[in-house]
C-alpha cells in the first residue's frame, strides 16, 4: 500500500511540471514529421472521428477511402486542404463537409499527410 501511495505521489508531482498538452501538440505538429500518435490525438480532439472512421464509411468516407481517391493525384494535397478548410459538397454523394474552422493550416497539413501515409 505504501508503494502504491508513493507511486501515485510521484505521478502527481511529475504531472504538475509537465507541459500543457496544447503547447506540446503545437510543437509536435510543427516538427518536420509529426508523429503518428500526435496526429491520431489531433484527429480525436478535433472530432474528425465523429464523421470518419479508419476503414468504414460513417457520415463521411473512411480515411482509407480518402487516401485512395487523393493519394495519386498531383493536386491531391491541395484539394484535401481546400476541402478541410473551406468545406465541400457532392464529392462523396450527398455528404456535406462543413469548413473545419477549428483547424489551423499546420494542423490540416499534418492530418492530410497522415491520411495520405496510411497503410
PDB file of N, CA and C in Angstrom:
ATOM      1  N   UNK A   1       0.815  -1.189   0.000  1.00  0.00           N
ATOM      2  CA  UNK A   1       0.000   0.000   0.000  1.00  0.00           C
ATOM      3  C   UNK A   1       0.868   1.266   0.000  1.00  0.00           C
ATOM      4  N   UNK A   2       1.957   1.233   0.771  1.00  0.00           N
ATOM      5  CA  UNK A   2       2.850   2.388   0.817  1.00  0.00           C
ATOM      6  C   UNK A   2       3.480   2.642  -0.548  1.00  0.00           C
ATOM      7  N   UNK A   3       3.811   1.559  -1.242  1.00  0.00           N
ATOM      8  CA  UNK A   3       4.414   1.686  -2.574  1.00  0.00           C
ATOM      9  C   UNK A   3       3.418   2.339  -3.530  1.00  0.00           C
ATOM     10  N   UNK A   4       2.179   1.916  -3.461  1.00  0.00           N
ATOM     11  CA  UNK A   4       1.139   2.482  -4.324  1.00  0.00           C
ATOM     12  C   UNK A   4       0.990   3.981  -4.075  1.00  0.00           C
ATOM     13  N   UNK A   5       0.915   4.378  -2.821  1.00  0.00           N
ATOM     14  CA  UNK A   5       0.766   5.793  -2.480  1.00  0.00           C
ATOM     15  C   UNK A   5       1.997   6.574  -2.927  1.00  0.00           C
ATOM     16  N   UNK A   6       3.177   5.994  -2.751  1.00  0.00           N
ATOM     17  CA  UNK A   6       4.408   6.646  -3.195  1.00  0.00           C
ATOM     18  C   UNK A   6       4.393   6.863  -4.713  1.00  0.00           C
ATOM     19  N   UNK A   7       4.040   5.821  -5.467  1.00  0.00           N
ATOM     20  CA  UNK A   7       3.988   5.932  -6.927  1.00  0.00           C
ATOM     21  C   UNK A   7       2.943   6.951  -7.365  1.00  0.00           C
ATOM     22  N   UNK A   8       1.796   6.934  -6.729  1.00  0.00           N
ATOM     23  CA  UNK A   8       0.751   7.899  -7.055  1.00  0.00           C
ATOM     24  C   UNK A   8       1.240   9.322  -6.798  1.00  0.00           C
ATOM     25  N   UNK A   9       1.938   9.516  -5.689  1.00  0.00           N
ATOM     26  CA  UNK A   9       2.504  10.825  -5.380  1.00  0.00           C
ATOM     27  C   UNK A   9       3.518  11.268  -6.420  1.00  0.00           C
ATOM     28  N   UNK A  10       4.369  10.345  -6.857  1.00  0.00           N
ATOM     29  CA  UNK A  10       5.368  10.660  -7.894  1.00  0.00           C
ATOM     30  C   UNK A  10       4.693  11.070  -9.197  1.00  0.00           C
ATOM     31  N   UNK A  11       3.656  10.358  -9.561  1.00  0.00           N
ATOM     32  CA  UNK A  11       2.927  10.680 -10.795  1.00  0.00           C
ATOM     33  C   UNK A  11       2.300  12.065 -10.692  1.00  0.00           C
ATOM     34  N   UNK A  12       1.690  12.363  -9.571  1.00  0.00           N
ATOM     35  CA  UNK A  12       1.071  13.678  -9.385  1.00  0.00           C
ATOM     36  C   UNK A  12       2.103  14.795  -9.437  1.00  0.00           C
ATOM     37  N   UNK A  13       3.225  14.603  -8.789  1.00  0.00           N
ATOM     38  CA  UNK A  13       4.279  15.620  -8.803  1.00  0.00           C
ATOM     39  C   UNK A  13       4.808  15.814 -10.219  1.00  0.00           C
ATOM     40  N   UNK A  14       5.050  14.725 -10.926  1.00  0.00           N
ATOM     41  CA  UNK A  14       5.553  14.817 -12.297  1.00  0.00           C
ATOM     42  C   UNK A  14       4.553  15.527 -13.201  1.00  0.00           C
ATOM     43  N   UNK A  15       3.276  15.209 -13.063  1.00  0.00           N
ATOM     44  CA  UNK A  15       2.272  15.799 -13.948  1.00  0.00           C
ATOM     45  C   UNK A  15       2.111  17.293 -13.706  1.00  0.00           C
ATOM     46  N   UNK A  16       2.428  17.769 -12.537  1.00  0.00           N
ATOM     47  CA  UNK A  16       2.334  19.205 -12.249  1.00  0.00           C
ATOM     48  C   UNK A  16       3.396  20.000 -12.999  1.00  0.00           C
ATOM     49  N   UNK A  17       4.471  19.349 -13.381  1.00  0.00           N
ATOM     50  CA  UNK A  17       5.553  20.031 -14.075  1.00  0.00           C
ATOM     51  C   UNK A  17       5.569  19.762 -15.571  1.00  0.00           C
ATOM     52  N   UNK A  18       4.608  19.014 -16.054  1.00  0.00           N
ATOM     53  CA  UNK A  18       4.571  18.687 -17.482  1.00  0.00           C
ATOM     54  C   UNK A  18       4.084  19.890 -18.274  1.00  0.00           C
ATOM     55  N   UNK A  19       4.477  19.941 -19.549  1.00  0.00           N
ATOM     56  CA  UNK A  19       3.996  20.996 -20.425  1.00  0.00           C
ATOM     57  C   UNK A  19       2.506  20.815 -20.653  1.00  0.00           C
ATOM     58  N   UNK A  20       1.767  21.891 -20.813  1.00  0.00           N
ATOM     59  CA  UNK A  20       0.360  21.737 -21.159  1.00  0.00           C
ATOM     60  C   UNK A  20       0.226  20.992 -22.484  1.00  0.00           C
ATOM     61  N   UNK A  21      -0.797  20.171 -22.604  1.00  0.00           N
ATOM     62  CA  UNK A  21      -0.976  19.337 -23.798  1.00  0.00           C
ATOM     63  C   UNK A  21      -1.078  20.171 -25.064  1.00  0.00           C
ATOM     64  N   UNK A  22      -1.723  21.314 -24.997  1.00  0.00           N
ATOM     65  CA  UNK A  22      -1.903  22.149 -26.177  1.00  0.00           C
ATOM     66  C   UNK A  22      -0.554  22.612 -26.728  1.00  0.00           C
ATOM     67  N   UNK A  23       0.334  23.079 -25.838  1.00  0.00           N
ATOM     68  CA  UNK A  23       1.656  23.527 -26.272  1.00  0.00           C
ATOM     69  C   UNK A  23       2.472  22.373 -26.831  1.00  0.00           C
ATOM     70  N   UNK A  24       2.389  21.227 -26.186  1.00  0.00           N
ATOM     71  CA  UNK A  24       3.105  20.046 -26.656  1.00  0.00           C
ATOM     72  C   UNK A  24       2.626  19.660 -28.043  1.00  0.00           C
ATOM     73  N   UNK A  25       1.307  19.698 -28.259  1.00  0.00           N
ATOM     74  CA  UNK A  25       0.736  19.349 -29.557  1.00  0.00           C
ATOM     75  C   UNK A  25       1.224  20.318 -30.627  1.00  0.00           C
ATOM     76  N   UNK A  26       1.217  21.612 -30.341  1.00  0.00           N
ATOM     77  CA  UNK A  26       1.673  22.591 -31.326  1.00  0.00           C
ATOM     78  C   UNK A  26       3.127  22.343 -31.715  1.00  0.00           C
ATOM     79  N   UNK A  27       3.978  22.086 -30.724  1.00  0.00           N
ATOM     80  CA  UNK A  27       5.395  21.828 -31.002  1.00  0.00           C
ATOM     81  C   UNK A  27       5.558  20.558 -31.832  1.00  0.00           C
ATOM     82  N   UNK A  28       4.811  19.525 -31.485  1.00  0.00           N
ATOM     83  CA  UNK A  28       4.925  18.254 -32.203  1.00  0.00           C
ATOM     84  C   UNK A  28       4.470  18.400 -33.646  1.00  0.00           C
ATOM     85  N   UNK A  29       3.431  19.179 -33.878  1.00  0.00           N
ATOM     86  CA  UNK A  29       2.923  19.336 -35.238  1.00  0.00           C
ATOM     87  C   UNK A  29       3.813  20.227 -36.089  1.00  0.00           C
ATOM     88  N   UNK A  30       4.570  21.112 -35.470  1.00  0.00           N
ATOM     89  CA  UNK A  30       5.475  21.970 -36.228  1.00  0.00           C
ATOM     90  C   UNK A  30       6.769  21.250 -36.585  1.00  0.00           C
ATOM     91  N   UNK A  31       6.989  20.092 -35.984  1.00  0.00           N
ATOM     92  CA  UNK A  31       8.179  19.304 -36.305  1.00  0.00           C
ATOM     93  C   UNK A  31       8.102  18.883 -37.767  1.00  0.00           C
ATOM     94  N   UNK A  32       9.260  18.624 -38.416  1.00  0.00           N
ATOM     95  CA  UNK A  32       9.246  18.251 -39.830  1.00  0.00           C
ATOM     96  C   UNK A  32       8.347  17.056 -40.141  1.00  0.00           C
ATOM     97  N   UNK A  33       8.315  16.059 -39.279  1.00  0.00           N
ATOM     98  CA  UNK A  33       7.474  14.883 -39.485  1.00  0.00           C
ATOM     99  C   UNK A  33       6.671  14.615 -38.216  1.00  0.00           C
ATOM    100  N   UNK A  34       5.461  15.188 -38.112  1.00  0.00           N
ATOM    101  CA  UNK A  34       4.673  14.951 -36.905  1.00  0.00           C
ATOM    102  C   UNK A  34       4.461  13.461 -36.689  1.00  0.00           C
ATOM    103  N   UNK A  35       4.582  13.024 -35.451  1.00  0.00           N
ATOM    104  CA  UNK A  35       4.438  11.595 -35.186  1.00  0.00           C
ATOM    105  C   UNK A  35       2.998  11.158 -35.379  1.00  0.00           C
ATOM    106  N   UNK A  36       2.841   9.900 -35.733  1.00  0.00           N
ATOM    107  CA  UNK A  36       1.519   9.343 -35.982  1.00  0.00           C
ATOM    108  C   UNK A  36       0.649   9.463 -34.739  1.00  0.00           C
ATOM    109  N   UNK A  37       1.224   9.216 -33.582  1.00  0.00           N
ATOM    110  CA  UNK A  37       0.459   9.311 -32.345  1.00  0.00           C
ATOM    111  C   UNK A  37      -0.106  10.703 -32.115  1.00  0.00           C
ATOM    112  N   UNK A  38       0.690  11.731 -32.411  1.00  0.00           N
ATOM    113  CA  UNK A  38       0.220  13.108 -32.242  1.00  0.00           C
ATOM    114  C   UNK A  38      -0.910  13.433 -33.200  1.00  0.00           C
ATOM    115  N   UNK A  39      -0.821  12.961 -34.428  1.00  0.00           N
ATOM    116  CA  UNK A  39      -1.873  13.250 -35.403  1.00  0.00           C
ATOM    117  C   UNK A  39      -3.139  12.477 -35.047  1.00  0.00           C
ATOM    118  N   UNK A  40      -2.998  11.244 -34.591  1.00  0.00           N
ATOM    119  CA  UNK A  40      -4.183  10.492 -34.161  1.00  0.00           C
ATOM    120  C   UNK A  40      -4.891  11.215 -33.023  1.00  0.00           C
ATOM    121  N   UNK A  41      -4.119  11.751 -32.100  1.00  0.00           N
ATOM    122  CA  UNK A  41      -4.694  12.508 -30.996  1.00  0.00           C
ATOM    123  C   UNK A  41      -5.386  13.769 -31.516  1.00  0.00           C
ATOM    124  N   UNK A  42      -4.767  14.423 -32.468  1.00  0.00           N
ATOM    125  CA  UNK A  42      -5.356  15.613 -33.079  1.00  0.00           C
ATOM    126  C   UNK A  42      -6.678  15.272 -33.760  1.00  0.00           C
ATOM    127  N   UNK A  43      -6.710  14.172 -34.502  1.00  0.00           N
ATOM    128  CA  UNK A  43      -7.926  13.733 -35.200  1.00  0.00           C
ATOM    129  C   UNK A  43      -9.045  13.466 -34.190  1.00  0.00           C
ATOM    130  N   UNK A  44      -8.687  12.937 -33.039  1.00  0.00           N
ATOM    131  CA  UNK A  44      -9.690  12.709 -31.992  1.00  0.00           C
ATOM    132  C   UNK A  44     -10.141  14.027 -31.373  1.00  0.00           C
ATOM    133  N   UNK A  45      -9.199  14.890 -31.046  1.00  0.00           N
ATOM    134  CA  UNK A  45      -9.539  16.159 -30.389  1.00  0.00           C
ATOM    135  C   UNK A  45     -10.358  17.080 -31.288  1.00  0.00           C
ATOM    136  N   UNK A  46     -10.077  17.061 -32.555  1.00  0.00           N
ATOM    137  CA  UNK A  46     -10.807  17.924 -33.490  1.00  0.00           C
ATOM    138  C   UNK A  46     -12.107  17.273 -33.963  1.00  0.00           C
ATOM    139  N   UNK A  47     -12.384  16.110 -33.449  1.00  0.00           N
ATOM    140  CA  UNK A  47     -13.629  15.371 -33.673  1.00  0.00           C
ATOM    141  C   UNK A  47     -13.829  14.914 -35.115  1.00  0.00           C
ATOM    142  N   UNK A  48     -12.747  14.696 -35.824  1.00  0.00           N
ATOM    143  CA  UNK A  48     -12.842  14.132 -37.178  1.00  0.00           C
ATOM    144  C   UNK A  48     -13.510  12.758 -37.120  1.00  0.00           C
ATOM    145  N   UNK A  49     -13.253  12.054 -36.014  1.00  0.00           N
ATOM    146  CA  UNK A  49     -13.757  10.682 -35.888  1.00  0.00           C
ATOM    147  C   UNK A  49     -15.263  10.630 -35.645  1.00  0.00           C
ATOM    148  N   UNK A  50     -15.903  11.777 -35.459  1.00  0.00           N
ATOM    149  CA  UNK A  50     -17.362  11.768 -35.367  1.00  0.00           C
ATOM    150  C   UNK A  50     -17.989  11.430 -36.715  1.00  0.00           C
ATOM    151  N   UNK A  51     -17.310  11.756 -37.802  1.00  0.00           N
ATOM    152  CA  UNK A  51     -17.847  11.514 -39.143  1.00  0.00           C
ATOM    153  C   UNK A  51     -17.018  10.526 -39.959  1.00  0.00           C
ATOM    154  N   UNK A  52     -15.755  10.322 -39.591  1.00  0.00           N
ATOM    155  CA  UNK A  52     -14.849   9.466 -40.354  1.00  0.00           C
ATOM    156  C   UNK A  52     -14.292   8.348 -39.483  1.00  0.00           C
ATOM    157  N   UNK A  53     -14.216   7.159 -40.058  1.00  0.00           N
ATOM    158  CA  UNK A  53     -13.594   6.009 -39.406  1.00  0.00           C
ATOM    159  C   UNK A  53     -12.353   5.652 -40.216  1.00  0.00           C
ATOM    160  N   UNK A  54     -11.502   4.831 -39.659  1.00  0.00           N
ATOM    161  CA  UNK A  54     -10.287   4.441 -40.371  1.00  0.00           C
ATOM    162  C   UNK A  54     -10.618   3.682 -41.652  1.00  0.00           C
ATOM    163  N   UNK A  55     -11.517   2.697 -41.559  1.00  0.00           N
ATOM    164  CA  UNK A  55     -11.762   1.807 -42.695  1.00  0.00           C
ATOM    165  C   UNK A  55     -13.215   1.731 -43.151  1.00  0.00           C
ATOM    166  N   UNK A  56     -14.150   2.234 -42.350  1.00  0.00           N
ATOM    167  CA  UNK A  56     -15.565   2.123 -42.699  1.00  0.00           C
ATOM    168  C   UNK A  56     -16.180   3.501 -42.905  1.00  0.00           C
ATOM    169  N   UNK A  57     -17.141   3.568 -43.809  1.00  0.00           N
ATOM    170  CA  UNK A  57     -17.871   4.814 -44.027  1.00  0.00           C
ATOM    171  C   UNK A  57     -18.786   5.059 -42.832  1.00  0.00           C
ATOM    172  N   UNK A  58     -18.727   6.240 -42.283  1.00  0.00           N
ATOM    173  CA  UNK A  58     -19.684   6.670 -41.265  1.00  0.00           C
ATOM    174  C   UNK A  58     -20.570   7.709 -41.941  1.00  0.00           C
ATOM    175  N   UNK A  59     -20.587   8.933 -41.464  1.00  0.00           N
ATOM    176  CA  UNK A  59     -21.265  10.007 -42.189  1.00  0.00           C
ATOM    177  C   UNK A  59     -20.462  10.368 -43.434  1.00  0.00           C
ATOM    178  N   UNK A  60     -19.172  10.469 -43.250  1.00  0.00           N
ATOM    179  CA  UNK A  60     -18.267  10.759 -44.353  1.00  0.00           C
ATOM    180  C   UNK A  60     -17.476   9.519 -44.716  1.00  0.00           C
ATOM    181  N   UNK A  61     -16.661   9.614 -45.744  1.00  0.00           N
ATOM    182  CA  UNK A  61     -15.863   8.457 -46.170  1.00  0.00           C
ATOM    183  C   UNK A  61     -14.806   8.092 -45.133  1.00  0.00           C
ATOM    184  N   UNK A  62     -14.323   6.860 -45.217  1.00  0.00           N
ATOM    185  CA  UNK A  62     -13.250   6.428 -44.317  1.00  0.00           C
ATOM    186  C   UNK A  62     -11.954   7.130 -44.708  1.00  0.00           C
ATOM    187  N   UNK A  63     -11.030   7.177 -43.777  1.00  0.00           N
ATOM    188  CA  UNK A  63      -9.730   7.781 -44.075  1.00  0.00           C
ATOM    189  C   UNK A  63      -9.021   7.010 -45.190  1.00  0.00           C
ATOM    190  N   UNK A  64      -9.199   5.695 -45.220  1.00  0.00           N
ATOM    191  CA  UNK A  64      -8.580   4.873 -46.268  1.00  0.00           C
ATOM    192  C   UNK A  64      -9.183   5.208 -47.631  1.00  0.00           C
ATOM    193  N   UNK A  65     -10.497   5.426 -47.693  1.00  0.00           N
ATOM    194  CA  UNK A  65     -11.136   5.807 -48.956  1.00  0.00           C
ATOM    195  C   UNK A  65     -10.658   7.182 -49.423  1.00  0.00           C
ATOM    196  N   UNK A  66     -10.487   8.095 -48.489  1.00  0.00           N
ATOM    197  CA  UNK A  66      -9.976   9.427 -48.833  1.00  0.00           C
ATOM    198  C   UNK A  66      -8.571   9.299 -49.412  1.00  0.00           C
ATOM    199  N   UNK A  67      -7.743   8.500 -48.761  1.00  0.00           N
ATOM    200  CA  UNK A  67      -6.384   8.268 -49.262  1.00  0.00           C
ATOM    201  C   UNK A  67      -6.437   7.697 -50.674  1.00  0.00           C
ATOM    202  N   UNK A  68      -7.291   6.703 -50.890  1.00  0.00           N
ATOM    203  CA  UNK A  68      -7.399   6.073 -52.203  1.00  0.00           C
ATOM    204  C   UNK A  68      -7.771   7.044 -53.304  1.00  0.00           C
ATOM    205  N   UNK A  69      -8.611   8.002 -52.997  1.00  0.00           N
ATOM    206  CA  UNK A  69      -9.046   8.961 -54.007  1.00  0.00           C
ATOM    207  C   UNK A  69      -7.986  10.023 -54.306  1.00  0.00           C
ATOM    208  N   UNK A  70      -7.225  10.439 -53.302  1.00  0.00           N
ATOM    209  CA  UNK A  70      -6.344  11.600 -53.474  1.00  0.00           C
ATOM    210  C   UNK A  70      -4.852  11.300 -53.509  1.00  0.00           C
ATOM    211  N   UNK A  71      -4.437  10.121 -53.114  1.00  0.00           N
ATOM    212  CA  UNK A  71      -3.005   9.793 -52.990  1.00  0.00           C
ATOM    213  C   UNK A  71      -2.230  10.026 -54.285  1.00  0.00           C
ATOM    214  N   UNK A  72      -2.755   9.574 -55.402  1.00  0.00           N
ATOM    215  CA  UNK A  72      -2.005   9.628 -56.661  1.00  0.00           C
ATOM    216  C   UNK A  72      -2.355  10.822 -57.541  1.00  0.00           C
ATOM    217  N   UNK A  73      -3.134  11.744 -57.028  1.00  0.00           N
ATOM    218  CA  UNK A  73      -3.452  12.950 -57.795  1.00  0.00           C
ATOM    219  C   UNK A  73      -2.388  14.006 -57.504  1.00  0.00           C
ATOM    220  N   UNK A  74      -1.835  14.621 -58.543  1.00  0.00           N
ATOM    221  CA  UNK A  74      -0.823  15.661 -58.304  1.00  0.00           C
ATOM    222  C   UNK A  74      -1.348  16.799 -57.422  1.00  0.00           C
ATOM    223  N   UNK A  75      -2.624  17.115 -57.570  1.00  0.00           N
ATOM    224  CA  UNK A  75      -3.214  18.202 -56.795  1.00  0.00           C
ATOM    225  C   UNK A  75      -3.964  17.692 -55.557  1.00  0.00           C
ATOM    226  N   UNK A  76      -3.717  16.438 -55.187  1.00  0.00           N
ATOM    227  CA  UNK A  76      -4.440  15.803 -54.083  1.00  0.00           C
ATOM    228  C   UNK A  76      -4.355  16.557 -52.768  1.00  0.00           C
ATOM    229  N   UNK A  77      -3.158  16.963 -52.397  1.00  0.00           N
ATOM    230  CA  UNK A  77      -2.992  17.678 -51.121  1.00  0.00           C
ATOM    231  C   UNK A  77      -3.746  19.004 -51.125  1.00  0.00           C
ATOM    232  N   UNK A  78      -3.680  19.706 -52.241  1.00  0.00           N
ATOM    233  CA  UNK A  78      -4.365  20.996 -52.333  1.00  0.00           C
ATOM    234  C   UNK A  78      -5.880  20.814 -52.259  1.00  0.00           C
ATOM    235  N   UNK A  79      -6.396  19.780 -52.926  1.00  0.00           N
ATOM    236  CA  UNK A  79      -7.835  19.510 -52.880  1.00  0.00           C
ATOM    237  C   UNK A  79      -8.283  19.156 -51.463  1.00  0.00           C
ATOM    238  N   UNK A  80      -7.487  18.345 -50.787  1.00  0.00           N
ATOM    239  CA  UNK A  80      -7.819  17.989 -49.409  1.00  0.00           C
ATOM    240  C   UNK A  80      -7.763  19.217 -48.492  1.00  0.00           C
ATOM    241  N   UNK A  81      -6.766  20.051 -48.677  1.00  0.00           N
ATOM    242  CA  UNK A  81      -6.642  21.262 -47.860  1.00  0.00           C
ATOM    243  C   UNK A  81      -7.859  22.161 -48.068  1.00  0.00           C
ATOM    244  N   UNK A  82      -8.241  22.332 -49.314  1.00  0.00           N
ATOM    245  CA  UNK A  82      -9.404  23.169 -49.617  1.00  0.00           C
ATOM    246  C   UNK A  82     -10.665  22.574 -48.991  1.00  0.00           C
ATOM    247  N   UNK A  83     -10.827  21.260 -49.106  1.00  0.00           N
ATOM    248  CA  UNK A  83     -11.992  20.605 -48.521  1.00  0.00           C
ATOM    249  C   UNK A  83     -12.044  20.747 -47.008  1.00  0.00           C
ATOM    250  N   UNK A  84     -10.889  20.614 -46.363  1.00  0.00           N
ATOM    251  CA  UNK A  84     -10.842  20.747 -44.903  1.00  0.00           C
ATOM    252  C   UNK A  84     -11.150  22.174 -44.451  1.00  0.00           C
ATOM    253  N   UNK A  85     -10.509  23.127 -45.059  1.00  0.00           N
ATOM    254  CA  UNK A  85     -10.614  24.499 -44.576  1.00  0.00           C
ATOM    255  C   UNK A  85     -11.822  25.257 -45.114  1.00  0.00           C
ATOM    256  N   UNK A  86     -12.303  24.878 -46.314  1.00  0.00           N
ATOM    257  CA  UNK A  86     -13.435  25.593 -46.910  1.00  0.00           C
ATOM    258  C   UNK A  86     -14.715  24.767 -46.947  1.00  0.00           C
ATOM    259  N   UNK A  87     -14.592  23.464 -46.717  1.00  0.00           N
ATOM    260  CA  UNK A  87     -15.751  22.583 -46.796  1.00  0.00           C
ATOM    261  C   UNK A  87     -15.960  22.085 -48.222  1.00  0.00           C
ATOM    262  N   UNK A  88     -16.865  21.131 -48.382  1.00  0.00           N
ATOM    263  CA  UNK A  88     -17.156  20.602 -49.716  1.00  0.00           C
ATOM    264  C   UNK A  88     -18.536  19.954 -49.716  1.00  0.00           C
ATOM    265  N   UNK A  89     -19.069  19.778 -50.911  1.00  0.00           N
ATOM    266  CA  UNK A  89     -20.378  19.153 -51.068  1.00  0.00           C
ATOM    267  C   UNK A  89     -20.379  18.378 -52.373  1.00  0.00           C
ATOM    268  N   UNK A  90     -20.907  17.161 -52.326  1.00  0.00           N
ATOM    269  CA  UNK A  90     -21.082  16.385 -53.539  1.00  0.00           C
ATOM    270  C   UNK A  90     -19.897  15.548 -53.970  1.00  0.00           C
ATOM    271  N   UNK A  91     -18.794  15.595 -53.267  1.00  0.00           N
ATOM    272  CA  UNK A  91     -17.635  14.783 -53.652  1.00  0.00           C
ATOM    273  C   UNK A  91     -17.817  13.325 -53.268  1.00  0.00           C
ATOM    274  N   UNK A  92     -18.626  13.068 -52.253  1.00  0.00           N
ATOM    275  CA  UNK A  92     -18.865  11.714 -51.757  1.00  0.00           C
ATOM    276  C   UNK A  92     -20.372  11.478 -51.674  1.00  0.00           C
ATOM    277  N   UNK A  93     -21.069  11.698 -52.763  1.00  0.00           N
ATOM    278  CA  UNK A  93     -22.524  11.556 -52.752  1.00  0.00           C
ATOM    279  C   UNK A  93     -23.147  12.842 -52.223  1.00  0.00           C
ATOM    280  N   UNK A  94     -24.164  12.703 -51.405  1.00  0.00           N
ATOM    281  CA  UNK A  94     -24.861  13.878 -50.867  1.00  0.00           C
ATOM    282  C   UNK A  94     -24.265  14.388 -49.563  1.00  0.00           C
ATOM    283  N   UNK A  95     -23.127  13.856 -49.191  1.00  0.00           N
ATOM    284  CA  UNK A  95     -22.498  14.233 -47.924  1.00  0.00           C
ATOM    285  C   UNK A  95     -21.918  15.642 -48.024  1.00  0.00           C
ATOM    286  N   UNK A  96     -22.195  16.438 -47.000  1.00  0.00           N
ATOM    287  CA  UNK A  96     -21.638  17.791 -46.917  1.00  0.00           C
ATOM    288  C   UNK A  96     -20.576  17.803 -45.825  1.00  0.00           C
ATOM    289  N   UNK A  97     -19.423  18.338 -46.159  1.00  0.00           N
ATOM    290  CA  UNK A  97     -18.396  18.544 -45.135  1.00  0.00           C
ATOM    291  C   UNK A  97     -18.299  20.043 -44.911  1.00  0.00           C
ATOM    292  N   UNK A  98     -18.584  20.438 -43.700  1.00  0.00           N
ATOM    293  CA  UNK A  98     -18.539  21.853 -43.364  1.00  0.00           C
ATOM    294  C   UNK A  98     -17.092  22.290 -43.167  1.00  0.00           C
ATOM    295  N   UNK A  99     -16.811  23.577 -43.375  1.00  0.00           N
ATOM    296  CA  UNK A  99     -15.449  24.068 -43.143  1.00  0.00           C
ATOM    297  C   UNK A  99     -15.012  23.766 -41.714  1.00  0.00           C
ATOM    298  N   UNK A 100     -13.806  23.318 -41.579  1.00  0.00           N
ATOM    299  CA  UNK A 100     -13.263  22.981 -40.262  1.00  0.00           C
ATOM    300  C   UNK A 100     -12.524  24.194 -39.710  1.00  0.00           C
ATOM    301  N   UNK A 101     -13.295  25.146 -39.229  1.00  0.00           N
ATOM    302  CA  UNK A 101     -12.729  26.402 -38.729  1.00  0.00           C
ATOM    303  C   UNK A 101     -11.890  26.220 -37.473  1.00  0.00           C
ATOM    304  N   UNK A 102     -11.999  25.056 -36.850  1.00  0.00           N
ATOM    305  CA  UNK A 102     -11.229  24.797 -35.634  1.00  0.00           C
ATOM    306  C   UNK A 102      -9.828  24.267 -35.934  1.00  0.00           C
ATOM    307  N   UNK A 103      -9.483  24.134 -37.213  1.00  0.00           N
ATOM    308  CA  UNK A 103      -8.165  23.628 -37.618  1.00  0.00           C
ATOM    309  C   UNK A 103      -7.274  24.768 -38.089  1.00  0.00           C
ATOM    310  N   UNK A 104      -6.041  24.764 -37.634  1.00  0.00           N
ATOM    311  CA  UNK A 104      -5.059  25.687 -38.202  1.00  0.00           C
ATOM    312  C   UNK A 104      -4.526  25.052 -39.490  1.00  0.00           C
ATOM    313  N   UNK A 105      -3.837  25.835 -40.278  1.00  0.00           N
ATOM    314  CA  UNK A 105      -3.263  25.297 -41.513  1.00  0.00           C
ATOM    315  C   UNK A 105      -2.227  24.215 -41.196  1.00  0.00           C
ATOM    316  N   UNK A 106      -1.445  24.411 -40.151  1.00  0.00           N
ATOM    317  CA  UNK A 106      -0.433  23.421 -39.748  1.00  0.00           C
ATOM    318  C   UNK A 106      -1.108  22.113 -39.352  1.00  0.00           C
ATOM    319  N   UNK A 107      -2.193  22.207 -38.588  1.00  0.00           N
ATOM    320  CA  UNK A 107      -2.924  21.009 -38.183  1.00  0.00           C
ATOM    321  C   UNK A 107      -3.529  20.304 -39.394  1.00  0.00           C
ATOM    322  N   UNK A 108      -4.107  21.077 -40.307  1.00  0.00           N
ATOM    323  CA  UNK A 108      -4.700  20.491 -41.515  1.00  0.00           C
ATOM    324  C   UNK A 108      -3.633  19.777 -42.342  1.00  0.00           C
ATOM    325  N   UNK A 109      -2.470  20.391 -42.494  1.00  0.00           N
ATOM    326  CA  UNK A 109      -1.377  19.760 -43.245  1.00  0.00           C
ATOM    327  C   UNK A 109      -0.947  18.452 -42.592  1.00  0.00           C
ATOM    328  N   UNK A 110      -0.863  18.439 -41.269  1.00  0.00           N
ATOM    329  CA  UNK A 110      -0.463  17.220 -40.555  1.00  0.00           C
ATOM    330  C   UNK A 110      -1.489  16.111 -40.764  1.00  0.00           C
ATOM    331  N   UNK A 111      -2.768  16.447 -40.699  1.00  0.00           N
ATOM    332  CA  UNK A 111      -3.823  15.449 -40.906  1.00  0.00           C
ATOM    333  C   UNK A 111      -3.780  14.915 -42.330  1.00  0.00           C
ATOM    334  N   UNK A 112      -3.589  15.787 -43.295  1.00  0.00           N
ATOM    335  CA  UNK A 112      -3.526  15.358 -44.700  1.00  0.00           C
ATOM    336  C   UNK A 112      -2.338  14.430 -44.920  1.00  0.00           C
ATOM    337  N   UNK A 113      -1.179  14.788 -44.395  1.00  0.00           N
ATOM    338  CA  UNK A 113       0.000  13.920 -44.529  1.00  0.00           C
ATOM    339  C   UNK A 113      -0.259  12.560 -43.895  1.00  0.00           C
ATOM    340  N   UNK A 114      -0.902  12.568 -42.747  1.00  0.00           N
ATOM    341  CA  UNK A 114      -1.228  11.321 -42.043  1.00  0.00           C
ATOM    342  C   UNK A 114      -2.173  10.461 -42.881  1.00  0.00           C
ATOM    343  N   UNK A 115      -3.217  11.073 -43.427  1.00  0.00           N
ATOM    344  CA  UNK A 115      -4.176  10.319 -44.248  1.00  0.00           C
ATOM    345  C   UNK A 115      -3.471   9.710 -45.454  1.00  0.00           C
ATOM    346  N   UNK A 116      -2.676  10.499 -46.147  1.00  0.00           N
ATOM    347  CA  UNK A 116      -2.022  10.014 -47.369  1.00  0.00           C
ATOM    348  C   UNK A 116      -0.948   8.969 -47.087  1.00  0.00           C
ATOM    349  N   UNK A 117      -0.479   8.887 -45.845  1.00  0.00           N
ATOM    350  CA  UNK A 117       0.546   7.893 -45.483  1.00  0.00           C
ATOM    351  C   UNK A 117      -0.052   6.620 -44.891  1.00  0.00           C
ATOM    352  N   UNK A 118      -1.364   6.572 -44.725  1.00  0.00           N
ATOM    353  CA  UNK A 118      -1.995   5.388 -44.130  1.00  0.00           C
ATOM    354  C   UNK A 118      -1.732   4.149 -44.965  1.00  0.00           C
ATOM    355  N   UNK A 119      -1.694   3.013 -44.275  1.00  0.00           N
ATOM    356  CA  UNK A 119      -1.485   1.738 -44.967  1.00  0.00           C
ATOM    357  C   UNK A 119      -2.676   0.858 -44.779  1.00  0.00           C
TER     358      UNK A 119
END
